mmCIF file of all heavy atoms, coordinates in Angstrom:
data_MODEL
# 
_entry.id   MODEL 
# 
loop_
_atom_site.group_PDB 
_atom_site.id 
_atom_site.type_symbol 
_atom_site.label_atom_id 
_atom_site.label_alt_id 
_atom_site.label_comp_id 
_atom_site.label_asym_id 
_atom_site.label_entity_id 
_atom_site.label_seq_id 
_atom_site.pdbx_PDB_ins_code 
_atom_site.Cartn_x 
_atom_site.Cartn_y 
_atom_site.Cartn_z 
_atom_site.occupancy 
_atom_site.B_iso_or_equiv 
_atom_site.pdbx_formal_charge 
_atom_site.auth_seq_id 
_atom_site.auth_comp_id 
_atom_site.auth_asym_id 
_atom_site.auth_atom_id 
_atom_site.pdbx_PDB_model_num 
ATOM 1   N N   . GLY A 1 1  ? 90.255 127.875 54.441 1.00 0.00 ? 1  GLY A N   1 
ATOM 2   C CA  . GLY A 1 1  ? 89.872 127.806 55.853 1.00 0.00 ? 1  GLY A CA  1 
ATOM 3   C C   . GLY A 1 1  ? 88.730 126.876 56.159 1.00 0.00 ? 1  GLY A C   1 
ATOM 4   O O   . GLY A 1 1  ? 88.212 126.888 57.284 1.00 0.00 ? 1  GLY A O   1 
ATOM 5   N N   . GLY A 1 2  ? 88.295 126.088 55.186 1.00 0.00 ? 2  GLY A N   1 
ATOM 6   C CA  . GLY A 1 2  ? 87.251 125.103 55.436 1.00 0.00 ? 2  GLY A CA  1 
ATOM 7   C C   . GLY A 1 2  ? 85.888 125.700 55.732 1.00 0.00 ? 2  GLY A C   1 
ATOM 8   O O   . GLY A 1 2  ? 85.028 125.026 56.300 1.00 0.00 ? 2  GLY A O   1 
ATOM 9   N N   . GLY A 1 3  ? 85.686 126.963 55.375 1.00 0.00 ? 3  GLY A N   1 
ATOM 10  C CA  . GLY A 1 3  ? 84.418 127.626 55.679 1.00 0.00 ? 3  GLY A CA  1 
ATOM 11  C C   . GLY A 1 3  ? 84.545 128.643 56.798 1.00 0.00 ? 3  GLY A C   1 
ATOM 12  O O   . GLY A 1 3  ? 83.550 129.272 57.178 1.00 0.00 ? 3  GLY A O   1 
ATOM 13  N N   . SER A 1 4  ? 85.739 128.824 57.348 1.00 0.00 ? 4  SER A N   1 
ATOM 14  C CA  . SER A 1 4  ? 85.956 129.828 58.389 1.00 0.00 ? 4  SER A CA  1 
ATOM 15  C C   . SER A 1 4  ? 85.808 131.230 57.804 1.00 0.00 ? 4  SER A C   1 
ATOM 16  O O   . SER A 1 4  ? 86.039 131.446 56.605 1.00 0.00 ? 4  SER A O   1 
ATOM 17  C CB  . SER A 1 4  ? 87.361 129.664 58.994 1.00 0.00 ? 4  SER A CB  1 
ATOM 18  O OG  . SER A 1 4  ? 87.517 128.384 59.571 1.00 0.00 ? 4  SER A OG  1 
ATOM 19  N N   . LEU A 1 5  ? 85.432 132.168 58.662 1.00 0.00 ? 5  LEU A N   1 
ATOM 20  C CA  . LEU A 1 5  ? 85.244 133.564 58.266 1.00 0.00 ? 5  LEU A CA  1 
ATOM 21  C C   . LEU A 1 5  ? 86.078 134.468 59.166 1.00 0.00 ? 5  LEU A C   1 
ATOM 22  O O   . LEU A 1 5  ? 86.381 134.112 60.306 1.00 0.00 ? 5  LEU A O   1 
ATOM 23  C CB  . LEU A 1 5  ? 83.769 133.965 58.384 1.00 0.00 ? 5  LEU A CB  1 
ATOM 24  C CG  . LEU A 1 5  ? 82.738 133.113 57.643 1.00 0.00 ? 5  LEU A CG  1 
ATOM 25  C CD1 . LEU A 1 5  ? 81.319 133.568 58.000 1.00 0.00 ? 5  LEU A CD1 1 
ATOM 26  C CD2 . LEU A 1 5  ? 82.946 133.183 56.136 1.00 0.00 ? 5  LEU A CD2 1 
ATOM 27  N N   . THR A 1 6  ? 86.391 135.653 58.671 1.00 0.00 ? 6  THR A N   1 
ATOM 28  C CA  . THR A 1 6  ? 87.139 136.603 59.493 1.00 0.00 ? 6  THR A CA  1 
ATOM 29  C C   . THR A 1 6  ? 86.830 138.033 59.087 1.00 0.00 ? 6  THR A C   1 
ATOM 30  O O   . THR A 1 6  ? 86.423 138.289 57.939 1.00 0.00 ? 6  THR A O   1 
ATOM 31  C CB  . THR A 1 6  ? 88.660 136.349 59.413 1.00 0.00 ? 6  THR A CB  1 
ATOM 32  O OG1 . THR A 1 6  ? 89.321 137.081 60.446 1.00 0.00 ? 6  THR A OG1 1 
ATOM 33  C CG2 . THR A 1 6  ? 89.214 136.763 58.056 1.00 0.00 ? 6  THR A CG2 1 
ATOM 34  N N   . ASP A 1 7  ? 86.979 138.951 60.036 1.00 0.00 ? 7  ASP A N   1 
ATOM 35  C CA  . ASP A 1 7  ? 86.927 140.383 59.740 1.00 0.00 ? 7  ASP A CA  1 
ATOM 36  C C   . ASP A 1 7  ? 88.061 141.045 60.512 1.00 0.00 ? 7  ASP A C   1 
ATOM 37  O O   . ASP A 1 7  ? 88.985 140.359 60.969 1.00 0.00 ? 7  ASP A O   1 
ATOM 38  C CB  . ASP A 1 7  ? 85.553 140.980 60.061 1.00 0.00 ? 7  ASP A CB  1 
ATOM 39  C CG  . ASP A 1 7  ? 85.106 140.764 61.497 1.00 0.00 ? 7  ASP A CG  1 
ATOM 40  O OD1 . ASP A 1 7  ? 85.989 140.586 62.385 1.00 0.00 ? 7  ASP A OD1 1 
ATOM 41  O OD2 . ASP A 1 7  ? 83.894 140.781 61.753 1.00 0.00 ? 7  ASP A OD2 1 
ATOM 42  N N   . SER A 1 8  ? 87.997 142.341 60.687 1.00 0.00 ? 8  SER A N   1 
ATOM 43  C CA  . SER A 1 8  ? 89.133 143.066 61.262 1.00 0.00 ? 8  SER A CA  1 
ATOM 44  C C   . SER A 1 8  ? 89.396 142.737 62.722 1.00 0.00 ? 8  SER A C   1 
ATOM 45  O O   . SER A 1 8  ? 90.524 142.901 63.201 1.00 0.00 ? 8  SER A O   1 
ATOM 46  C CB  . SER A 1 8  ? 88.925 144.576 61.119 1.00 0.00 ? 8  SER A CB  1 
ATOM 47  O OG  . SER A 1 8  ? 87.756 144.985 61.828 1.00 0.00 ? 8  SER A OG  1 
ATOM 48  N N   . ASP A 1 9  ? 88.382 142.266 63.439 1.00 0.00 ? 9  ASP A N   1 
ATOM 49  C CA  . ASP A 1 9  ? 88.588 142.057 64.880 1.00 0.00 ? 9  ASP A CA  1 
ATOM 50  C C   . ASP A 1 9  ? 88.093 140.705 65.400 1.00 0.00 ? 9  ASP A C   1 
ATOM 51  O O   . ASP A 1 9  ? 88.051 140.488 66.606 1.00 0.00 ? 9  ASP A O   1 
ATOM 52  C CB  . ASP A 1 9  ? 87.929 143.182 65.686 1.00 0.00 ? 9  ASP A CB  1 
ATOM 53  C CG  . ASP A 1 9  ? 86.438 143.334 65.388 1.00 0.00 ? 9  ASP A CG  1 
ATOM 54  O OD1 . ASP A 1 9  ? 85.832 142.383 64.844 1.00 0.00 ? 9  ASP A OD1 1 
ATOM 55  O OD2 . ASP A 1 9  ? 85.884 144.404 65.696 1.00 0.00 ? 9  ASP A OD2 1 
ATOM 56  N N   . SER A 1 10 ? 87.714 139.789 64.503 1.00 0.00 ? 10 SER A N   1 
ATOM 57  C CA  . SER A 1 10 ? 87.234 138.501 65.002 1.00 0.00 ? 10 SER A CA  1 
ATOM 58  C C   . SER A 1 10 ? 87.428 137.391 63.976 1.00 0.00 ? 10 SER A C   1 
ATOM 59  O O   . SER A 1 10 ? 87.691 137.646 62.797 1.00 0.00 ? 10 SER A O   1 
ATOM 60  C CB  . SER A 1 10 ? 85.756 138.582 65.388 1.00 0.00 ? 10 SER A CB  1 
ATOM 61  O OG  . SER A 1 10 ? 84.939 138.723 64.242 1.00 0.00 ? 10 SER A OG  1 
ATOM 62  N N   . PHE A 1 11 ? 87.272 136.168 64.449 1.00 0.00 ? 11 PHE A N   1 
ATOM 63  C CA  . PHE A 1 11 ? 87.434 134.975 63.617 1.00 0.00 ? 11 PHE A CA  1 
ATOM 64  C C   . PHE A 1 11 ? 86.294 134.024 63.942 1.00 0.00 ? 11 PHE A C   1 
ATOM 65  O O   . PHE A 1 11 ? 85.952 133.814 65.118 1.00 0.00 ? 11 PHE A O   1 
ATOM 66  C CB  . PHE A 1 11 ? 88.783 134.319 63.922 1.00 0.00 ? 11 PHE A CB  1 
ATOM 67  C CG  . PHE A 1 11 ? 89.172 133.206 62.989 1.00 0.00 ? 11 PHE A CG  1 
ATOM 68  C CD1 . PHE A 1 11 ? 89.877 133.466 61.818 1.00 0.00 ? 11 PHE A CD1 1 
ATOM 69  C CD2 . PHE A 1 11 ? 88.846 131.887 63.276 1.00 0.00 ? 11 PHE A CD2 1 
ATOM 70  C CE1 . PHE A 1 11 ? 90.247 132.437 60.953 1.00 0.00 ? 11 PHE A CE1 1 
ATOM 71  C CE2 . PHE A 1 11 ? 89.205 130.849 62.424 1.00 0.00 ? 11 PHE A CE2 1 
ATOM 72  C CZ  . PHE A 1 11 ? 89.911 131.136 61.254 1.00 0.00 ? 11 PHE A CZ  1 
ATOM 73  N N   . GLU A 1 12 ? 85.714 133.446 62.911 1.00 0.00 ? 12 GLU A N   1 
ATOM 74  C CA  . GLU A 1 12 ? 84.650 132.454 63.072 1.00 0.00 ? 12 GLU A CA  1 
ATOM 75  C C   . GLU A 1 12 ? 85.102 131.143 62.449 1.00 0.00 ? 12 GLU A C   1 
ATOM 76  O O   . GLU A 1 12 ? 85.263 131.057 61.233 1.00 0.00 ? 12 GLU A O   1 
ATOM 77  C CB  . GLU A 1 12 ? 83.360 132.917 62.397 1.00 0.00 ? 12 GLU A CB  1 
ATOM 78  C CG  . GLU A 1 12 ? 82.232 131.890 62.494 1.00 0.00 ? 12 GLU A CG  1 
ATOM 79  C CD  . GLU A 1 12 ? 80.971 132.302 61.744 1.00 0.00 ? 12 GLU A CD  1 
ATOM 80  O OE1 . GLU A 1 12 ? 80.857 133.485 61.357 1.00 0.00 ? 12 GLU A OE1 1 
ATOM 81  O OE2 . GLU A 1 12 ? 80.110 131.426 61.528 1.00 0.00 ? 12 GLU A OE2 1 
ATOM 82  N N   . PRO A 1 13 ? 85.339 130.099 63.248 1.00 0.00 ? 13 PRO A N   1 
ATOM 83  C CA  . PRO A 1 13 ? 85.789 128.822 62.683 1.00 0.00 ? 13 PRO A CA  1 
ATOM 84  C C   . PRO A 1 13 ? 84.655 128.116 61.941 1.00 0.00 ? 13 PRO A C   1 
ATOM 85  O O   . PRO A 1 13 ? 83.476 128.465 62.077 1.00 0.00 ? 13 PRO A O   1 
ATOM 86  C CB  . PRO A 1 13 ? 86.211 128.028 63.918 1.00 0.00 ? 13 PRO A CB  1 
ATOM 87  C CG  . PRO A 1 13 ? 85.381 128.586 65.021 1.00 0.00 ? 13 PRO A CG  1 
ATOM 88  C CD  . PRO A 1 13 ? 85.191 130.043 64.705 1.00 0.00 ? 13 PRO A CD  1 
ATOM 89  N N   . ARG A 1 14 ? 85.026 127.115 61.156 1.00 0.00 ? 14 ARG A N   1 
ATOM 90  C CA  . ARG A 1 14 ? 84.025 126.316 60.430 1.00 0.00 ? 14 ARG A CA  1 
ATOM 91  C C   . ARG A 1 14 ? 83.042 125.693 61.423 1.00 0.00 ? 14 ARG A C   1 
ATOM 92  O O   . ARG A 1 14 ? 83.365 125.485 62.603 1.00 0.00 ? 14 ARG A O   1 
ATOM 93  C CB  . ARG A 1 14 ? 84.717 125.230 59.599 1.00 0.00 ? 14 ARG A CB  1 
ATOM 94  C CG  . ARG A 1 14 ? 85.523 124.224 60.413 1.00 0.00 ? 14 ARG A CG  1 
ATOM 95  C CD  . ARG A 1 14 ? 86.419 123.356 59.521 1.00 0.00 ? 14 ARG A CD  1 
ATOM 96  N NE  . ARG A 1 14 ? 87.269 122.493 60.326 1.00 0.00 ? 14 ARG A NE  1 
ATOM 97  C CZ  . ARG A 1 14 ? 87.003 121.203 60.580 1.00 0.00 ? 14 ARG A CZ  1 
ATOM 98  N NH1 . ARG A 1 14 ? 85.932 120.627 60.072 1.00 0.00 ? 14 ARG A NH1 1 
ATOM 99  N NH2 . ARG A 1 14 ? 87.837 120.481 61.316 1.00 0.00 ? 14 ARG A NH2 1 
ATOM 100 N N   . ASN A 1 15 ? 81.852 125.396 60.948 1.00 0.00 ? 15 ASN A N   1 
ATOM 101 C CA  . ASN A 1 15 ? 80.769 124.929 61.812 1.00 0.00 ? 15 ASN A CA  1 
ATOM 102 C C   . ASN A 1 15 ? 81.129 123.692 62.622 1.00 0.00 ? 15 ASN A C   1 
ATOM 103 O O   . ASN A 1 15 ? 80.721 123.555 63.777 1.00 0.00 ? 15 ASN A O   1 
ATOM 104 C CB  . ASN A 1 15 ? 79.511 124.632 60.982 1.00 0.00 ? 15 ASN A CB  1 
ATOM 105 C CG  . ASN A 1 15 ? 78.856 125.885 60.463 1.00 0.00 ? 15 ASN A CG  1 
ATOM 106 O OD1 . ASN A 1 15 ? 79.037 126.969 61.010 1.00 0.00 ? 15 ASN A OD1 1 
ATOM 107 N ND2 . ASN A 1 15 ? 78.087 125.764 59.393 1.00 0.00 ? 15 ASN A ND2 1 
ATOM 108 N N   . ALA A 1 16 ? 81.895 122.771 62.011 1.00 0.00 ? 16 ALA A N   1 
ATOM 109 C CA  . ALA A 1 16 ? 82.167 121.481 62.651 1.00 0.00 ? 16 ALA A CA  1 
ATOM 110 C C   . ALA A 1 16 ? 83.014 121.586 63.912 1.00 0.00 ? 16 ALA A C   1 
ATOM 111 O O   . ALA A 1 16 ? 83.078 120.630 64.692 1.00 0.00 ? 16 ALA A O   1 
ATOM 112 C CB  . ALA A 1 16 ? 82.842 120.539 61.659 1.00 0.00 ? 16 ALA A CB  1 
ATOM 113 N N   . VAL A 1 17 ? 83.685 122.733 64.122 1.00 0.00 ? 17 VAL A N   1 
ATOM 114 C CA  . VAL A 1 17 ? 84.542 122.860 65.311 1.00 0.00 ? 17 VAL A CA  1 
ATOM 115 C C   . VAL A 1 17 ? 84.202 124.088 66.156 1.00 0.00 ? 17 VAL A C   1 
ATOM 116 O O   . VAL A 1 17 ? 84.952 124.452 67.045 1.00 0.00 ? 17 VAL A O   1 
ATOM 117 C CB  . VAL A 1 17 ? 86.044 122.889 64.929 1.00 0.00 ? 17 VAL A CB  1 
ATOM 118 C CG1 . VAL A 1 17 ? 86.466 121.565 64.314 1.00 0.00 ? 17 VAL A CG1 1 
ATOM 119 C CG2 . VAL A 1 17 ? 86.367 124.046 64.003 1.00 0.00 ? 17 VAL A CG2 1 
ATOM 120 N N   . LYS A 1 18 ? 83.071 124.692 65.911 1.00 0.00 ? 18 LYS A N   1 
ATOM 121 C CA  . LYS A 1 18 ? 82.672 125.850 66.718 1.00 0.00 ? 18 LYS A CA  1 
ATOM 122 C C   . LYS A 1 18 ? 82.581 125.489 68.202 1.00 0.00 ? 18 LYS A C   1 
ATOM 123 O O   . LYS A 1 18 ? 83.048 126.213 69.076 1.00 0.00 ? 18 LYS A O   1 
ATOM 124 C CB  . LYS A 1 18 ? 81.343 126.408 66.224 1.00 0.00 ? 18 LYS A CB  1 
ATOM 125 C CG  . LYS A 1 18 ? 81.442 127.298 64.992 1.00 0.00 ? 18 LYS A CG  1 
ATOM 126 C CD  . LYS A 1 18 ? 80.079 127.879 64.631 1.00 0.00 ? 18 LYS A CD  1 
ATOM 127 C CE  . LYS A 1 18 ? 80.191 129.043 63.667 1.00 0.00 ? 18 LYS A CE  1 
ATOM 128 N NZ  . LYS A 1 18 ? 80.593 128.651 62.323 1.00 0.00 ? 18 LYS A NZ  1 
ATOM 129 N N   . GLY A 1 19 ? 81.948 124.353 68.488 1.00 0.00 ? 19 GLY A N   1 
ATOM 130 C CA  . GLY A 1 19 ? 81.827 123.920 69.879 1.00 0.00 ? 19 GLY A CA  1 
ATOM 131 C C   . GLY A 1 19 ? 83.171 123.573 70.483 1.00 0.00 ? 19 GLY A C   1 
ATOM 132 O O   . GLY A 1 19 ? 83.430 123.864 71.664 1.00 0.00 ? 19 GLY A O   1 
ATOM 133 N N   . ASP A 1 20 ? 84.048 122.953 69.684 1.00 0.00 ? 20 ASP A N   1 
ATOM 134 C CA  . ASP A 1 20 ? 85.398 122.617 70.153 1.00 0.00 ? 20 ASP A CA  1 
ATOM 135 C C   . ASP A 1 20 ? 86.119 123.872 70.628 1.00 0.00 ? 20 ASP A C   1 
ATOM 136 O O   . ASP A 1 20 ? 86.739 123.895 71.699 1.00 0.00 ? 20 ASP A O   1 
ATOM 137 C CB  . ASP A 1 20 ? 86.227 121.979 69.031 1.00 0.00 ? 20 ASP A CB  1 
ATOM 138 C CG  . ASP A 1 20 ? 85.578 120.764 68.386 1.00 0.00 ? 20 ASP A CG  1 
ATOM 139 O OD1 . ASP A 1 20 ? 84.392 120.855 68.018 1.00 0.00 ? 20 ASP A OD1 1 
ATOM 140 O OD2 . ASP A 1 20 ? 86.267 119.751 68.215 1.00 0.00 ? 20 ASP A OD2 1 
ATOM 141 N N   . VAL A 1 21 ? 86.038 124.932 69.797 1.00 0.00 ? 21 VAL A N   1 
ATOM 142 C CA  . VAL A 1 21 ? 86.700 126.202 70.127 1.00 0.00 ? 21 VAL A CA  1 
ATOM 143 C C   . VAL A 1 21 ? 86.122 126.769 71.421 1.00 0.00 ? 21 VAL A C   1 
ATOM 144 O O   . VAL A 1 21 ? 86.866 127.181 72.317 1.00 0.00 ? 21 VAL A O   1 
ATOM 145 C CB  . VAL A 1 21 ? 86.549 127.205 68.968 1.00 0.00 ? 21 VAL A CB  1 
ATOM 146 C CG1 . VAL A 1 21 ? 86.914 128.621 69.410 1.00 0.00 ? 21 VAL A CG1 1 
ATOM 147 C CG2 . VAL A 1 21 ? 87.421 126.780 67.785 1.00 0.00 ? 21 VAL A CG2 1 
ATOM 148 N N   . ALA A 1 22 ? 84.809 126.794 71.533 1.00 0.00 ? 22 ALA A N   1 
ATOM 149 C CA  . ALA A 1 22 ? 84.168 127.323 72.741 1.00 0.00 ? 22 ALA A CA  1 
ATOM 150 C C   . ALA A 1 22 ? 84.617 126.574 73.986 1.00 0.00 ? 22 ALA A C   1 
ATOM 151 O O   . ALA A 1 22 ? 84.967 127.181 75.011 1.00 0.00 ? 22 ALA A O   1 
ATOM 152 C CB  . ALA A 1 22 ? 82.652 127.236 72.594 1.00 0.00 ? 22 ALA A CB  1 
ATOM 153 N N   . ARG A 1 23 ? 84.638 125.252 73.914 1.00 0.00 ? 23 ARG A N   1 
ATOM 154 C CA  . ARG A 1 23 ? 84.977 124.452 75.096 1.00 0.00 ? 23 ARG A CA  1 
ATOM 155 C C   . ARG A 1 23 ? 86.457 124.570 75.458 1.00 0.00 ? 23 ARG A C   1 
ATOM 156 O O   . ARG A 1 23 ? 86.826 124.480 76.638 1.00 0.00 ? 23 ARG A O   1 
ATOM 157 C CB  . ARG A 1 23 ? 84.564 122.994 74.862 1.00 0.00 ? 23 ARG A CB  1 
ATOM 158 C CG  . ARG A 1 23 ? 83.046 122.818 74.904 1.00 0.00 ? 23 ARG A CG  1 
ATOM 159 C CD  . ARG A 1 23 ? 82.609 121.389 74.683 1.00 0.00 ? 23 ARG A CD  1 
ATOM 160 N NE  . ARG A 1 23 ? 82.664 120.974 73.291 1.00 0.00 ? 23 ARG A NE  1 
ATOM 161 C CZ  . ARG A 1 23 ? 81.701 121.153 72.410 1.00 0.00 ? 23 ARG A CZ  1 
ATOM 162 N NH1 . ARG A 1 23 ? 80.585 121.777 72.739 1.00 0.00 ? 23 ARG A NH1 1 
ATOM 163 N NH2 . ARG A 1 23 ? 81.823 120.705 71.162 1.00 0.00 ? 23 ARG A NH2 1 
ATOM 164 N N   . MET A 1 24 ? 87.327 124.805 74.465 1.00 0.00 ? 24 MET A N   1 
ATOM 165 C CA  . MET A 1 24 ? 88.745 125.041 74.758 1.00 0.00 ? 24 MET A CA  1 
ATOM 166 C C   . MET A 1 24 ? 88.942 126.377 75.459 1.00 0.00 ? 24 MET A C   1 
ATOM 167 O O   . MET A 1 24 ? 89.695 126.481 76.436 1.00 0.00 ? 24 MET A O   1 
ATOM 168 C CB  . MET A 1 24 ? 89.571 124.975 73.468 1.00 0.00 ? 24 MET A CB  1 
ATOM 169 C CG  . MET A 1 24 ? 89.777 123.563 72.948 1.00 0.00 ? 24 MET A CG  1 
ATOM 170 S SD  . MET A 1 24 ? 90.877 123.496 71.514 1.00 0.00 ? 24 MET A SD  1 
ATOM 171 C CE  . MET A 1 24 ? 89.768 123.970 70.190 1.00 0.00 ? 24 MET A CE  1 
ATOM 172 N N   . ILE A 1 25 ? 88.254 127.412 74.978 1.00 0.00 ? 25 ILE A N   1 
ATOM 173 C CA  . ILE A 1 25 ? 88.359 128.734 75.597 1.00 0.00 ? 25 ILE A CA  1 
ATOM 174 C C   . ILE A 1 25 ? 87.866 128.681 77.046 1.00 0.00 ? 25 ILE A C   1 
ATOM 175 O O   . ILE A 1 25 ? 88.508 129.219 77.961 1.00 0.00 ? 25 ILE A O   1 
ATOM 176 C CB  . ILE A 1 25 ? 87.549 129.769 74.791 1.00 0.00 ? 25 ILE A CB  1 
ATOM 177 C CG1 . ILE A 1 25 ? 88.173 129.998 73.412 1.00 0.00 ? 25 ILE A CG1 1 
ATOM 178 C CG2 . ILE A 1 25 ? 87.420 131.087 75.557 1.00 0.00 ? 25 ILE A CG2 1 
ATOM 179 C CD1 . ILE A 1 25 ? 89.570 130.561 73.433 1.00 0.00 ? 25 ILE A CD1 1 
ATOM 180 N N   . LEU A 1 26 ? 86.756 128.025 77.279 1.00 0.00 ? 26 LEU A N   1 
ATOM 181 C CA  . LEU A 1 26 ? 86.176 128.000 78.616 1.00 0.00 ? 26 LEU A CA  1 
ATOM 182 C C   . LEU A 1 26 ? 86.968 127.084 79.556 1.00 0.00 ? 26 LEU A C   1 
ATOM 183 O O   . LEU A 1 26 ? 87.027 127.341 80.767 1.00 0.00 ? 26 LEU A O   1 
ATOM 184 C CB  . LEU A 1 26 ? 84.700 127.611 78.532 1.00 0.00 ? 26 LEU A CB  1 
ATOM 185 C CG  . LEU A 1 26 ? 83.877 128.622 77.705 1.00 0.00 ? 26 LEU A CG  1 
ATOM 186 C CD1 . LEU A 1 26 ? 82.441 128.146 77.545 1.00 0.00 ? 26 LEU A CD1 1 
ATOM 187 C CD2 . LEU A 1 26 ? 83.928 130.013 78.313 1.00 0.00 ? 26 LEU A CD2 1 
ATOM 188 N N   . TYR A 1 27 ? 87.595 126.047 79.023 1.00 0.00 ? 27 TYR A N   1 
ATOM 189 C CA  . TYR A 1 27 ? 88.549 125.257 79.820 1.00 0.00 ? 27 TYR A CA  1 
ATOM 190 C C   . TYR A 1 27 ? 89.653 126.164 80.353 1.00 0.00 ? 27 TYR A C   1 
ATOM 191 O O   . TYR A 1 27 ? 89.995 126.118 81.541 1.00 0.00 ? 27 TYR A O   1 
ATOM 192 C CB  . TYR A 1 27 ? 89.151 124.131 78.981 1.00 0.00 ? 27 TYR A CB  1 
ATOM 193 C CG  . TYR A 1 27 ? 90.442 123.584 79.557 1.00 0.00 ? 27 TYR A CG  1 
ATOM 194 C CD1 . TYR A 1 27 ? 90.433 122.572 80.513 1.00 0.00 ? 27 TYR A CD1 1 
ATOM 195 C CD2 . TYR A 1 27 ? 91.677 124.109 79.175 1.00 0.00 ? 27 TYR A CD2 1 
ATOM 196 C CE1 . TYR A 1 27 ? 91.623 122.089 81.067 1.00 0.00 ? 27 TYR A CE1 1 
ATOM 197 C CE2 . TYR A 1 27 ? 92.867 123.636 79.710 1.00 0.00 ? 27 TYR A CE2 1 
ATOM 198 C CZ  . TYR A 1 27 ? 92.837 122.637 80.660 1.00 0.00 ? 27 TYR A CZ  1 
ATOM 199 O OH  . TYR A 1 27 ? 94.020 122.176 81.214 1.00 0.00 ? 27 TYR A OH  1 
ATOM 200 N N   . MET A 1 28 ? 90.225 126.978 79.477 1.00 0.00 ? 28 MET A N   1 
ATOM 201 C CA  . MET A 1 28 ? 91.326 127.859 79.885 1.00 0.00 ? 28 MET A CA  1 
ATOM 202 C C   . MET A 1 28 ? 90.884 128.836 80.962 1.00 0.00 ? 28 MET A C   1 
ATOM 203 O O   . MET A 1 28 ? 91.642 129.143 81.899 1.00 0.00 ? 28 MET A O   1 
ATOM 204 C CB  . MET A 1 28 ? 91.861 128.611 78.669 1.00 0.00 ? 28 MET A CB  1 
ATOM 205 C CG  . MET A 1 28 ? 92.564 127.740 77.640 1.00 0.00 ? 28 MET A CG  1 
ATOM 206 S SD  . MET A 1 28 ? 94.116 127.039 78.234 1.00 0.00 ? 28 MET A SD  1 
ATOM 207 C CE  . MET A 1 28 ? 95.197 128.478 78.073 1.00 0.00 ? 28 MET A CE  1 
# 
């Protein structure tokens, strides 16, 4: 996963795309 993390109810992407994920969610 390139450094991504996960647990039973959430997912944390690798550092290099954290902002990308946030901006995609907020666009939607």
